[in-house]
């Protein structure tokens, strides 16, 4: 249930305030607190784009870069939910008090309890959503850290993040970026401005970090590319009506 007048606000939870010295709180959008009722049913939130470029919650990337904002308890919760969904892909149900105790958060489950705050942080950062059935749909992978959060990390951690991304092996993320660039360039050739291109990429469910990177690339690439440089395939993939990625 939603608790009227209450919010799960900006900044990391109490556990995460000291998890990365110097990190500024995340400016996650405020939202009405959801009061989870026991038992809680968890389902997989399948999103092809996020899963193609995202990171397993058990990865070192999440521990190094997402943890300062999510907090240790939320990262641990995401890991445990992912593990359970791997063995029970059609979803599973858990007693809220038992889950809280097993995570070391105590047995309290009221709306001000640690387990309620931890679950709500998944909602704040759009790593989970409440379904009409009241089940909790959780992402199996976390997206790359958004630029606005990267900017809040200490400078040396920002440099570490940039290095890790740059040195990452060729993965499906490369294919996603290439696809986004190809579509964005063709939209530009068709006369769309940068704002329209960004909205179109978002409507195609490209992750915001990919959209940001694509527009930055477009700023540099567009002056040096002519219409003739666009391949026939690119031209065929996008039209001014009924566009599909």
C-alpha atoms as a PDB file:
ATOM      1  CA  UNK A   1       0.000   0.000   0.000  1.00  0.00           C
ATOM      2  CA  UNK A   2       1.068   3.593  -0.545  1.00  0.00           C
ATOM      3  CA  UNK A   3       1.478   5.647   2.591  1.00  0.00           C
ATOM      4  CA  UNK A   4       0.003   9.068   1.908  1.00  0.00           C
ATOM      5  CA  UNK A   5       2.224  12.035   2.599  1.00  0.00           C
ATOM      6  CA  UNK A   6       5.382  10.008   3.098  1.00  0.00           C
ATOM      7  CA  UNK A   7       8.379   9.916   0.838  1.00  0.00           C
ATOM      8  CA  UNK A   8      11.473   7.882   0.306  1.00  0.00           C
ATOM      9  CA  UNK A   9      13.760  10.730  -0.456  1.00  0.00           C
ATOM     10  CA  UNK A  10      17.070  11.814  -1.843  1.00  0.00           C
ATOM     11  CA  UNK A  11      20.355  10.459  -0.686  1.00  0.00           C
ATOM     12  CA  UNK A  12      21.659   7.082   0.371  1.00  0.00           C
ATOM     13  CA  UNK A  13      20.302   5.186   3.364  1.00  0.00           C
ATOM     14  CA  UNK A  14      21.995   5.296   6.739  1.00  0.00           C
ATOM     15  CA  UNK A  15      24.253   2.349   5.958  1.00  0.00           C
ATOM     16  CA  UNK A  16      25.574   3.884   2.743  1.00  0.00           C
ATOM     17  CA  UNK A  17      26.503   7.294   4.082  1.00  0.00           C
ATOM     18  CA  UNK A  18      29.990   6.075   4.950  1.00  0.00           C
ATOM     19  CA  UNK A  19      30.282   3.459   2.213  1.00  0.00           C
ATOM     20  CA  UNK A  20      32.266   5.759  -0.064  1.00  0.00           C
ATOM     21  CA  UNK A  21      33.955   8.665   1.636  1.00  0.00           C
ATOM     22  CA  UNK A  22      33.373  11.864  -0.261  1.00  0.00           C
ATOM     23  CA  UNK A  23      30.511  10.568  -2.380  1.00  0.00           C
ATOM     24  CA  UNK A  24      27.623  12.979  -2.552  1.00  0.00           C
ATOM     25  CA  UNK A  25      24.067  11.664  -2.053  1.00  0.00           C
ATOM     26  CA  UNK A  26      22.187  10.538  -5.125  1.00  0.00           C
ATOM     27  CA  UNK A  27      19.390  12.844  -6.225  1.00  0.00           C
ATOM     28  CA  UNK A  28      16.878  10.067  -6.788  1.00  0.00           C
ATOM     29  CA  UNK A  29      13.373  11.264  -7.475  1.00  0.00           C
ATOM     30  CA  UNK A  30      11.154  11.329  -4.401  1.00  0.00           C
ATOM     31  CA  UNK A  31       8.213   8.994  -4.392  1.00  0.00           C
ATOM     32  CA  UNK A  32       5.444   7.946  -2.056  1.00  0.00           C
ATOM     33  CA  UNK A  33       6.603   5.128   0.214  1.00  0.00           C
ATOM     34  CA  UNK A  34       5.176   1.727  -0.565  1.00  0.00           C
ATOM     35  CA  UNK A  35       4.379  -0.308   2.526  1.00  0.00           C
ATOM     36  CA  UNK A  36       5.172  -3.913   1.677  1.00  0.00           C
ATOM     37  CA  UNK A  37       2.914  -6.528   3.197  1.00  0.00           C
ATOM     38  CA  UNK A  38       3.946 -10.083   4.025  1.00  0.00           C
ATOM     39  CA  UNK A  39       4.288 -12.392   2.212  1.00  0.00           C
ATOM     40  CA  UNK A  40       6.023 -10.599  -0.660  1.00  0.00           C
ATOM     41  CA  UNK A  41       6.070 -12.142  -4.120  1.00  0.00           C
ATOM     42  CA  UNK A  42       9.012 -11.330  -6.403  1.00  0.00           C
ATOM     43  CA  UNK A  43       9.001 -11.626 -10.198  1.00  0.00           C
ATOM     44  CA  UNK A  44      11.591 -10.948 -12.912  1.00  0.00           C
ATOM     45  CA  UNK A  45      11.447  -7.567 -14.658  1.00  0.00           C
ATOM     46  CA  UNK A  46      12.590  -8.435 -18.161  1.00  0.00           C
ATOM     47  CA  UNK A  47      14.003  -5.514 -20.133  1.00  0.00           C
ATOM     48  CA  UNK A  48      16.104  -6.457 -23.156  1.00  0.00           C
ATOM     49  CA  UNK A  49      17.964  -3.148 -23.341  1.00  0.00           C
ATOM     50  CA  UNK A  50      18.936  -3.093 -19.671  1.00  0.00           C
ATOM     51  CA  UNK A  51      19.877  -6.748 -19.663  1.00  0.00           C
ATOM     52  CA  UNK A  52      22.046  -6.313 -22.763  1.00  0.00           C
ATOM     53  CA  UNK A  53      24.132  -3.509 -21.266  1.00  0.00           C
ATOM     54  CA  UNK A  54      23.570  -3.888 -17.526  1.00  0.00           C
ATOM     55  CA  UNK A  55      25.500  -5.489 -14.679  1.00  0.00           C
ATOM     56  CA  UNK A  56      24.692  -8.431 -12.471  1.00  0.00           C
ATOM     57  CA  UNK A  57      24.050  -7.163  -8.909  1.00  0.00           C
ATOM     58  CA  UNK A  58      26.756  -9.615  -7.765  1.00  0.00           C
ATOM     59  CA  UNK A  59      29.357  -7.988 -10.026  1.00  0.00           C
ATOM     60  CA  UNK A  60      32.313  -5.912  -8.878  1.00  0.00           C
ATOM     61  CA  UNK A  61      30.929  -3.009 -10.950  1.00  0.00           C
ATOM     62  CA  UNK A  62      27.818  -2.799  -8.769  1.00  0.00           C
ATOM     63  CA  UNK A  63      29.863  -3.104  -5.599  1.00  0.00           C
ATOM     64  CA  UNK A  64      32.277  -0.354  -6.623  1.00  0.00           C
ATOM     65  CA  UNK A  65      29.947   2.156  -8.265  1.00  0.00           C
ATOM     66  CA  UNK A  66      26.297   1.500  -7.344  1.00  0.00           C
ATOM     67  CA  UNK A  67      26.819   0.669  -3.673  1.00  0.00           C
ATOM     68  CA  UNK A  68      27.624   4.264  -2.549  1.00  0.00           C
ATOM     69  CA  UNK A  69      24.120   5.279  -3.653  1.00  0.00           C
ATOM     70  CA  UNK A  70      22.048   2.184  -2.991  1.00  0.00           C
ATOM     71  CA  UNK A  71      23.623   1.261   0.319  1.00  0.00           C
ATOM     72  CA  UNK A  72      24.895  -2.186   1.394  1.00  0.00           C
ATOM     73  CA  UNK A  73      21.516  -3.590   2.422  1.00  0.00           C
ATOM     74  CA  UNK A  74      19.886  -2.746  -0.929  1.00  0.00           C
ATOM     75  CA  UNK A  75      22.766  -4.256  -2.907  1.00  0.00           C
ATOM     76  CA  UNK A  76      22.605  -7.401  -0.762  1.00  0.00           C
ATOM     77  CA  UNK A  77      18.835  -7.595  -1.265  1.00  0.00           C
ATOM     78  CA  UNK A  78      19.196  -7.228  -5.054  1.00  0.00           C
ATOM     79  CA  UNK A  79      21.783 -10.026  -5.064  1.00  0.00           C
ATOM     80  CA  UNK A  80      19.614 -12.391  -3.042  1.00  0.00           C
ATOM     81  CA  UNK A  81      16.531 -11.720  -5.138  1.00  0.00           C
ATOM     82  CA  UNK A  82      18.514 -12.338  -8.342  1.00  0.00           C
ATOM     83  CA  UNK A  83      19.867 -15.626  -7.010  1.00  0.00           C
ATOM     84  CA  UNK A  84      16.365 -16.770  -6.067  1.00  0.00           C
ATOM     85  CA  UNK A  85      14.887 -15.745  -9.432  1.00  0.00           C
ATOM     86  CA  UNK A  86      17.594 -17.704 -11.241  1.00  0.00           C
ATOM     87  CA  UNK A  87      16.476 -20.889  -9.497  1.00  0.00           C
ATOM     88  CA  UNK A  88      12.779 -19.953  -9.559  1.00  0.00           C
ATOM     89  CA  UNK A  89      12.295 -18.048 -12.851  1.00  0.00           C
ATOM     90  CA  UNK A  90       8.503 -17.911 -12.473  1.00  0.00           C
ATOM     91  CA  UNK A  91       8.803 -16.004  -9.221  1.00  0.00           C
ATOM     92  CA  UNK A  92       8.920 -16.798  -5.526  1.00  0.00           C
ATOM     93  CA  UNK A  93       7.201 -15.718  -2.326  1.00  0.00           C
ATOM     94  CA  UNK A  94       8.939 -14.908   0.948  1.00  0.00           C
ATOM     95  CA  UNK A  95       7.872 -13.954   4.449  1.00  0.00           C
ATOM     96  CA  UNK A  96       8.851 -10.327   5.068  1.00  0.00           C
ATOM     97  CA  UNK A  97       9.950 -10.839   8.677  1.00  0.00           C
ATOM     98  CA  UNK A  98      12.035 -13.873   7.785  1.00  0.00           C
ATOM     99  CA  UNK A  99      13.719 -11.997   4.916  1.00  0.00           C
ATOM    100  CA  UNK A 100      14.514  -9.059   7.207  1.00  0.00           C
ATOM    101  CA  UNK A 101      16.029 -11.309   9.878  1.00  0.00           C
ATOM    102  CA  UNK A 102      18.110 -13.262   7.350  1.00  0.00           C
ATOM    103  CA  UNK A 103      19.531  -9.989   6.017  1.00  0.00           C
ATOM    104  CA  UNK A 104      20.520  -8.850   9.499  1.00  0.00           C
ATOM    105  CA  UNK A 105      17.950  -6.039   9.570  1.00  0.00           C
ATOM    106  CA  UNK A 106      15.974  -7.297  12.561  1.00  0.00           C
ATOM    107  CA  UNK A 107      12.444  -8.612  12.802  1.00  0.00           C
ATOM    108  CA  UNK A 108      10.537  -5.325  12.499  1.00  0.00           C
ATOM    109  CA  UNK A 109       8.466  -4.943   9.322  1.00  0.00           C
ATOM    110  CA  UNK A 110       6.464  -1.763   9.994  1.00  0.00           C
ATOM    111  CA  UNK A 111       6.654   1.085   7.496  1.00  0.00           C
ATOM    112  CA  UNK A 112       9.580   2.709   9.323  1.00  0.00           C
ATOM    113  CA  UNK A 113      11.597  -0.515   9.521  1.00  0.00           C
ATOM    114  CA  UNK A 114      14.915  -1.131   7.809  1.00  0.00           C
ATOM    115  CA  UNK A 115      13.506  -3.801   5.497  1.00  0.00           C
ATOM    116  CA  UNK A 116      10.773  -1.437   4.270  1.00  0.00           C
ATOM    117  CA  UNK A 117      13.346   1.298   3.576  1.00  0.00           C
ATOM    118  CA  UNK A 118      15.612  -1.187   1.799  1.00  0.00           C
ATOM    119  CA  UNK A 119      12.818  -2.454  -0.443  1.00  0.00           C
ATOM    120  CA  UNK A 120      11.708   1.086  -1.208  1.00  0.00           C
ATOM    121  CA  UNK A 121      15.185   2.009  -2.402  1.00  0.00           C
ATOM    122  CA  UNK A 122      14.767  -0.531  -5.188  1.00  0.00           C
ATOM    123  CA  UNK A 123      11.680   1.463  -6.248  1.00  0.00           C
ATOM    124  CA  UNK A 124      13.400   4.856  -5.880  1.00  0.00           C
ATOM    125  CA  UNK A 125      16.190   3.848  -8.255  1.00  0.00           C
ATOM    126  CA  UNK A 126      13.784   2.114 -10.654  1.00  0.00           C
ATOM    127  CA  UNK A 127      15.358  -1.273 -10.037  1.00  0.00           C
ATOM    128  CA  UNK A 128      11.946  -2.678  -9.124  1.00  0.00           C
ATOM    129  CA  UNK A 129       8.298  -1.833  -9.674  1.00  0.00           C
ATOM    130  CA  UNK A 130       4.980  -2.791  -8.135  1.00  0.00           C
ATOM    131  CA  UNK A 131       2.727  -4.833 -10.370  1.00  0.00           C
ATOM    132  CA  UNK A 132      -1.112  -4.606 -10.350  1.00  0.00           C
ATOM    133  CA  UNK A 133      -1.125  -7.912  -8.453  1.00  0.00           C
ATOM    134  CA  UNK A 134       1.044  -6.238  -5.749  1.00  0.00           C
ATOM    135  CA  UNK A 135       3.943  -8.514  -6.703  1.00  0.00           C
ATOM    136  CA  UNK A 136       7.370  -6.851  -6.881  1.00  0.00           C
ATOM    137  CA  UNK A 137       9.023  -7.049 -10.312  1.00  0.00           C
ATOM    138  CA  UNK A 138      12.820  -6.744  -9.971  1.00  0.00           C
ATOM    139  CA  UNK A 139      15.474  -6.111 -12.631  1.00  0.00           C
ATOM    140  CA  UNK A 140      17.908  -8.991 -13.055  1.00  0.00           C
ATOM    141  CA  UNK A 141      20.654  -6.527 -13.986  1.00  0.00           C
ATOM    142  CA  UNK A 142      21.448  -2.996 -12.891  1.00  0.00           C
ATOM    143  CA  UNK A 143      21.977  -0.389 -15.612  1.00  0.00           C
ATOM    144  CA  UNK A 144      25.267   1.457 -16.010  1.00  0.00           C
ATOM    145  CA  UNK A 145      25.536   4.191 -13.406  1.00  0.00           C
ATOM    146  CA  UNK A 146      23.842   7.343 -14.786  1.00  0.00           C
ATOM    147  CA  UNK A 147      26.114  10.291 -15.469  1.00  0.00           C
ATOM    148  CA  UNK A 148      24.428  12.445 -12.825  1.00  0.00           C
ATOM    149  CA  UNK A 149      25.484   9.889 -10.186  1.00  0.00           C
ATOM    150  CA  UNK A 150      28.978   9.482 -11.614  1.00  0.00           C
ATOM    151  CA  UNK A 151      29.411  13.235 -11.179  1.00  0.00           C
ATOM    152  CA  UNK A 152      28.743  12.834  -7.438  1.00  0.00           C
ATOM    153  CA  UNK A 153      31.519  10.307  -6.901  1.00  0.00           C
ATOM    154  CA  UNK A 154      35.000  11.353  -5.703  1.00  0.00           C
ATOM    155  CA  UNK A 155      37.186  12.335  -8.645  1.00  0.00           C
ATOM    156  CA  UNK A 156      39.473   9.308  -8.417  1.00  0.00           C
ATOM    157  CA  UNK A 157      36.427   6.985  -8.428  1.00  0.00           C
ATOM    158  CA  UNK A 158      35.108   8.796 -11.505  1.00  0.00           C
ATOM    159  CA  UNK A 159      38.433   8.129 -13.208  1.00  0.00           C
ATOM    160  CA  UNK A 160      38.267   4.473 -12.151  1.00  0.00           C
ATOM    161  CA  UNK A 161      34.756   4.209 -13.608  1.00  0.00           C
ATOM    162  CA  UNK A 162      35.838   5.741 -16.921  1.00  0.00           C
ATOM    163  CA  UNK A 163      38.811   3.383 -17.110  1.00  0.00           C
ATOM    164  CA  UNK A 164      36.686   0.325 -16.360  1.00  0.00           C
ATOM    165  CA  UNK A 165      34.137   1.231 -19.030  1.00  0.00           C
ATOM    166  CA  UNK A 166      36.865   1.971 -21.579  1.00  0.00           C
ATOM    167  CA  UNK A 167      38.730  -1.281 -20.897  1.00  0.00           C
ATOM    168  CA  UNK A 168      35.616  -3.454 -20.820  1.00  0.00           C
ATOM    169  CA  UNK A 169      35.738  -6.289 -23.363  1.00  0.00           C
ATOM    170  CA  UNK A 170      33.559  -6.172 -26.449  1.00  0.00           C
ATOM    171  CA  UNK A 171      30.055  -7.108 -25.321  1.00  0.00           C
ATOM    172  CA  UNK A 172      26.491  -6.584 -26.379  1.00  0.00           C
ATOM    173  CA  UNK A 173      26.837  -3.058 -24.964  1.00  0.00           C
ATOM    174  CA  UNK A 174      28.931  -2.231 -28.017  1.00  0.00           C
ATOM    175  CA  UNK A 175      26.140  -3.464 -30.271  1.00  0.00           C
ATOM    176  CA  UNK A 176      23.572  -1.387 -28.376  1.00  0.00           C
ATOM    177  CA  UNK A 177      25.709   1.755 -28.666  1.00  0.00           C
ATOM    178  CA  UNK A 178      26.316   1.141 -32.369  1.00  0.00           C
ATOM    179  CA  UNK A 179      22.611   0.661 -32.951  1.00  0.00           C
ATOM    180  CA  UNK A 180      21.731   3.854 -31.074  1.00  0.00           C
ATOM    181  CA  UNK A 181      24.340   5.860 -32.984  1.00  0.00           C
ATOM    182  CA  UNK A 182      23.171   4.542 -36.331  1.00  0.00           C
ATOM    183  CA  UNK A 183      19.542   5.415 -35.611  1.00  0.00           C
ATOM    184  CA  UNK A 184      20.408   8.828 -34.151  1.00  0.00           C
ATOM    185  CA  UNK A 185      22.545   9.740 -37.156  1.00  0.00           C
ATOM    186  CA  UNK A 186      19.797   8.755 -39.571  1.00  0.00           C
ATOM    187  CA  UNK A 187      17.228  10.772 -37.611  1.00  0.00           C
ATOM    188  CA  UNK A 188      19.566  13.761 -37.857  1.00  0.00           C
ATOM    189  CA  UNK A 189      19.821  13.329 -41.630  1.00  0.00           C
ATOM    190  CA  UNK A 190      16.020  13.272 -41.783  1.00  0.00           C
ATOM    191  CA  UNK A 191      15.874  16.689 -40.142  1.00  0.00           C
ATOM    192  CA  UNK A 192      15.180  15.856 -36.495  1.00  0.00           C
ATOM    193  CA  UNK A 193      16.811  18.099 -33.884  1.00  0.00           C
ATOM    194  CA  UNK A 194      18.714  16.790 -30.852  1.00  0.00           C
ATOM    195  CA  UNK A 195      15.723  17.047 -28.518  1.00  0.00           C
ATOM    196  CA  UNK A 196      13.531  15.036 -30.883  1.00  0.00           C
ATOM    197  CA  UNK A 197      16.287  12.448 -31.331  1.00  0.00           C
ATOM    198  CA  UNK A 198      16.678  12.026 -27.582  1.00  0.00           C
ATOM    199  CA  UNK A 199      12.924  11.581 -27.100  1.00  0.00           C
ATOM    200  CA  UNK A 200      12.820   9.031 -29.920  1.00  0.00           C
ATOM    201  CA  UNK A 201      15.710   7.007 -28.480  1.00  0.00           C
ATOM    202  CA  UNK A 202      14.051   6.995 -25.063  1.00  0.00           C
ATOM    203  CA  UNK A 203      10.763   5.869 -26.618  1.00  0.00           C
ATOM    204  CA  UNK A 204      12.698   2.964 -28.151  1.00  0.00           C
ATOM    205  CA  UNK A 205      13.736   2.042 -24.591  1.00  0.00           C
ATOM    206  CA  UNK A 206      17.433   2.794 -24.962  1.00  0.00           C
ATOM    207  CA  UNK A 207      18.856   3.395 -21.504  1.00  0.00           C
ATOM    208  CA  UNK A 208      19.354   7.098 -20.566  1.00  0.00           C
ATOM    209  CA  UNK A 209      23.110   6.583 -20.261  1.00  0.00           C
ATOM    210  CA  UNK A 210      23.214   5.265 -23.839  1.00  0.00           C
ATOM    211  CA  UNK A 211      21.106   8.223 -25.029  1.00  0.00           C
ATOM    212  CA  UNK A 212      23.448  10.674 -23.285  1.00  0.00           C
ATOM    213  CA  UNK A 213      26.527   9.031 -24.799  1.00  0.00           C
ATOM    214  CA  UNK A 214      24.896   8.881 -28.239  1.00  0.00           C
ATOM    215  CA  UNK A 215      23.995  12.579 -28.280  1.00  0.00           C
ATOM    216  CA  UNK A 216      27.511  13.510 -27.132  1.00  0.00           C
ATOM    217  CA  UNK A 217      28.927  11.399 -29.962  1.00  0.00           C
ATOM    218  CA  UNK A 218      26.487  12.955 -32.417  1.00  0.00           C
ATOM    219  CA  UNK A 219      27.694  16.450 -31.518  1.00  0.00           C
ATOM    220  CA  UNK A 220      31.202  15.459 -32.570  1.00  0.00           C
ATOM    221  CA  UNK A 221      30.358  13.186 -35.478  1.00  0.00           C
ATOM    222  CA  UNK A 222      27.645  15.106 -37.318  1.00  0.00           C
ATOM    223  CA  UNK A 223      29.841  17.943 -38.637  1.00  0.00           C
ATOM    224  CA  UNK A 224      32.107  15.390 -40.294  1.00  0.00           C
ATOM    225  CA  UNK A 225      29.459  13.109 -41.778  1.00  0.00           C
ATOM    226  CA  UNK A 226      27.528  13.848 -44.915  1.00  0.00           C
ATOM    227  CA  UNK A 227      24.228  12.365 -46.033  1.00  0.00           C
ATOM    228  CA  UNK A 228      26.148  10.183 -48.508  1.00  0.00           C
ATOM    229  CA  UNK A 229      28.002   8.612 -45.560  1.00  0.00           C
ATOM    230  CA  UNK A 230      24.764   7.107 -44.294  1.00  0.00           C
ATOM    231  CA  UNK A 231      24.357   3.595 -45.595  1.00  0.00           C
ATOM    232  CA  UNK A 232      21.306   2.352 -47.436  1.00  0.00           C
ATOM    233  CA  UNK A 233      20.581   0.096 -44.476  1.00  0.00           C
ATOM    234  CA  UNK A 234      20.560   3.040 -42.100  1.00  0.00           C
ATOM    235  CA  UNK A 235      18.214   4.973 -44.348  1.00  0.00           C
ATOM    236  CA  UNK A 236      15.845   2.038 -44.579  1.00  0.00           C
ATOM    237  CA  UNK A 237      15.784   1.475 -40.831  1.00  0.00           C
ATOM    238  CA  UNK A 238      14.299   4.861 -40.013  1.00  0.00           C
ATOM    239  CA  UNK A 239      11.445   6.767 -41.591  1.00  0.00           C
ATOM    240  CA  UNK A 240       9.621   9.870 -40.505  1.00  0.00           C
ATOM    241  CA  UNK A 241       6.581   7.808 -39.595  1.00  0.00           C
ATOM    242  CA  UNK A 242       6.225   4.691 -37.497  1.00  0.00           C
ATOM    243  CA  UNK A 243       9.904   4.510 -36.587  1.00  0.00           C
ATOM    244  CA  UNK A 244      11.168   1.282 -35.072  1.00  0.00           C
ATOM    245  CA  UNK A 245      14.688   0.550 -33.733  1.00  0.00           C
END
